[in-house]
Amino acid sequence: ADNAVDVCNTYRYVTRLRELLIPTELHVFPFGKHGLGLANAPQRVAPHVMPWSELMIKWLELYEYFD
């Protein structure tokens, strides 16, 4: 349902990052609008994407890009 970015672009981007040995993690959710993972107001969040922000923070902490 993401009309902003074709998921194939994401796959190409992640593939290139990995080729360059840049730490990468990818989570693809089966449906939802672009940016839905950042919508944390209860009435706006689709339950299946609620973990996205936590996953991002954990990834950033793992690679020390986040204080």
C-alpha atoms as a PDB file:
ATOM      1  CA  ALA A   1       0.000   0.000   0.000  1.00  0.00           C
ATOM      2  CA  ASP A   2       3.076   2.268  -0.031  1.00  0.00           C
ATOM      3  CA  ASN A   3       2.600   4.416  -3.097  1.00  0.00           C
ATOM      4  CA  ALA A   4       5.601   6.625  -2.215  1.00  0.00           C
ATOM      5  CA  VAL A   5       8.387   4.039  -2.592  1.00  0.00           C
ATOM      6  CA  ASP A   6       8.348   0.779  -4.522  1.00  0.00           C
ATOM      7  CA  VAL A   7       9.651  -2.011  -2.272  1.00  0.00           C
ATOM      8  CA  CYS A   8      11.973  -3.090  -5.103  1.00  0.00           C
ATOM      9  CA  ASN A   9      13.908   0.170  -4.611  1.00  0.00           C
ATOM     10  CA  THR A  10      14.406  -0.797  -0.989  1.00  0.00           C
ATOM     11  CA  TYR A  11      15.742  -4.209  -1.954  1.00  0.00           C
ATOM     12  CA  ARG A  12      18.183  -2.625  -4.431  1.00  0.00           C
ATOM     13  CA  TYR A  13      19.331  -0.103  -1.822  1.00  0.00           C
ATOM     14  CA  VAL A  14      19.923  -2.776   0.827  1.00  0.00           C
ATOM     15  CA  THR A  15      21.722  -4.976  -1.683  1.00  0.00           C
ATOM     16  CA  ARG A  16      24.118  -2.142  -2.523  1.00  0.00           C
ATOM     17  CA  LEU A  17      24.716  -1.312   1.150  1.00  0.00           C
ATOM     18  CA  ARG A  18      25.635  -4.939   1.791  1.00  0.00           C
ATOM     19  CA  GLU A  19      27.951  -4.988  -1.226  1.00  0.00           C
ATOM     20  CA  LEU A  20      29.723  -2.008   0.350  1.00  0.00           C
ATOM     21  CA  LEU A  21      29.862  -3.842   3.714  1.00  0.00           C
ATOM     22  CA  ILE A  22      27.677  -1.198   5.361  1.00  0.00           C
ATOM     23  CA  PRO A  23      25.739  -2.627   8.332  1.00  0.00           C
ATOM     24  CA  THR A  24      22.171  -3.103   7.219  1.00  0.00           C
ATOM     25  CA  GLU A  25      18.940  -4.510   8.558  1.00  0.00           C
ATOM     26  CA  LEU A  26      15.691  -4.706   6.608  1.00  0.00           C
ATOM     27  CA  HIS A  27      12.151  -5.243   7.832  1.00  0.00           C
ATOM     28  CA  VAL A  28       9.404  -5.395   5.227  1.00  0.00           C
ATOM     29  CA  PHE A  29       5.839  -5.312   6.461  1.00  0.00           C
ATOM     30  CA  PRO A  30       3.087  -6.819   4.305  1.00  0.00           C
ATOM     31  CA  PHE A  31       0.953  -3.664   4.095  1.00  0.00           C
ATOM     32  CA  GLY A  32       0.724  -0.087   5.264  1.00  0.00           C
ATOM     33  CA  LYS A  33       1.328   3.422   4.014  1.00  0.00           C
ATOM     34  CA  HIS A  34       4.780   5.031   3.786  1.00  0.00           C
ATOM     35  CA  GLY A  35       6.070   6.235   7.165  1.00  0.00           C
ATOM     36  CA  LEU A  36       3.499   4.282   9.143  1.00  0.00           C
ATOM     37  CA  GLY A  37       6.204   2.906  11.437  1.00  0.00           C
ATOM     38  CA  LEU A  38       6.795   6.409  12.805  1.00  0.00           C
ATOM     39  CA  ALA A  39       3.129   7.033  13.591  1.00  0.00           C
ATOM     40  CA  ASN A  40       2.978   6.303  17.312  1.00  0.00           C
ATOM     41  CA  ALA A  41      -0.412   7.803  18.162  1.00  0.00           C
ATOM     42  CA  PRO A  42      -2.649   4.815  19.062  1.00  0.00           C
ATOM     43  CA  GLN A  43      -5.348   5.808  16.573  1.00  0.00           C
ATOM     44  CA  ARG A  44      -2.793   5.987  13.734  1.00  0.00           C
ATOM     45  CA  VAL A  45      -0.702   2.892  14.319  1.00  0.00           C
ATOM     46  CA  ALA A  46      -1.326  -0.405  12.628  1.00  0.00           C
ATOM     47  CA  PRO A  47      -0.386  -3.008  15.253  1.00  0.00           C
ATOM     48  CA  HIS A  48       1.791  -4.999  12.857  1.00  0.00           C
ATOM     49  CA  VAL A  49       4.225  -2.075  12.402  1.00  0.00           C
ATOM     50  CA  MET A  50       4.376  -0.909  16.026  1.00  0.00           C
ATOM     51  CA  PRO A  51       7.751  -2.675  16.596  1.00  0.00           C
ATOM     52  CA  TRP A  52       9.424  -0.669  13.798  1.00  0.00           C
ATOM     53  CA  SER A  53      10.640   2.247  15.934  1.00  0.00           C
ATOM     54  CA  GLU A  54      11.994  -0.090  18.609  1.00  0.00           C
ATOM     55  CA  LEU A  55      13.771  -2.185  15.962  1.00  0.00           C
ATOM     56  CA  MET A  56      15.354   0.963  14.526  1.00  0.00           C
ATOM     57  CA  ILE A  57      16.564   2.172  17.932  1.00  0.00           C
ATOM     58  CA  LYS A  58      18.035  -1.241  18.767  1.00  0.00           C
ATOM     59  CA  TRP A  59      19.839  -1.299  15.418  1.00  0.00           C
ATOM     60  CA  LEU A  60      21.244   2.201  15.972  1.00  0.00           C
ATOM     61  CA  GLU A  61      22.432   1.255  19.456  1.00  0.00           C
ATOM     62  CA  LEU A  62      24.044  -1.893  18.114  1.00  0.00           C
ATOM     63  CA  TYR A  63      26.138   0.156  15.709  1.00  0.00           C
ATOM     64  CA  GLU A  64      26.744   3.011  18.185  1.00  0.00           C
ATOM     65  CA  TYR A  65      25.091   5.653  16.008  1.00  0.00           C
ATOM     66  CA  PHE A  66      22.685   6.518  18.807  1.00  0.00           C
ATOM     67  CA  ASP A  67      23.345   7.853  22.314  1.00  0.00           C
END
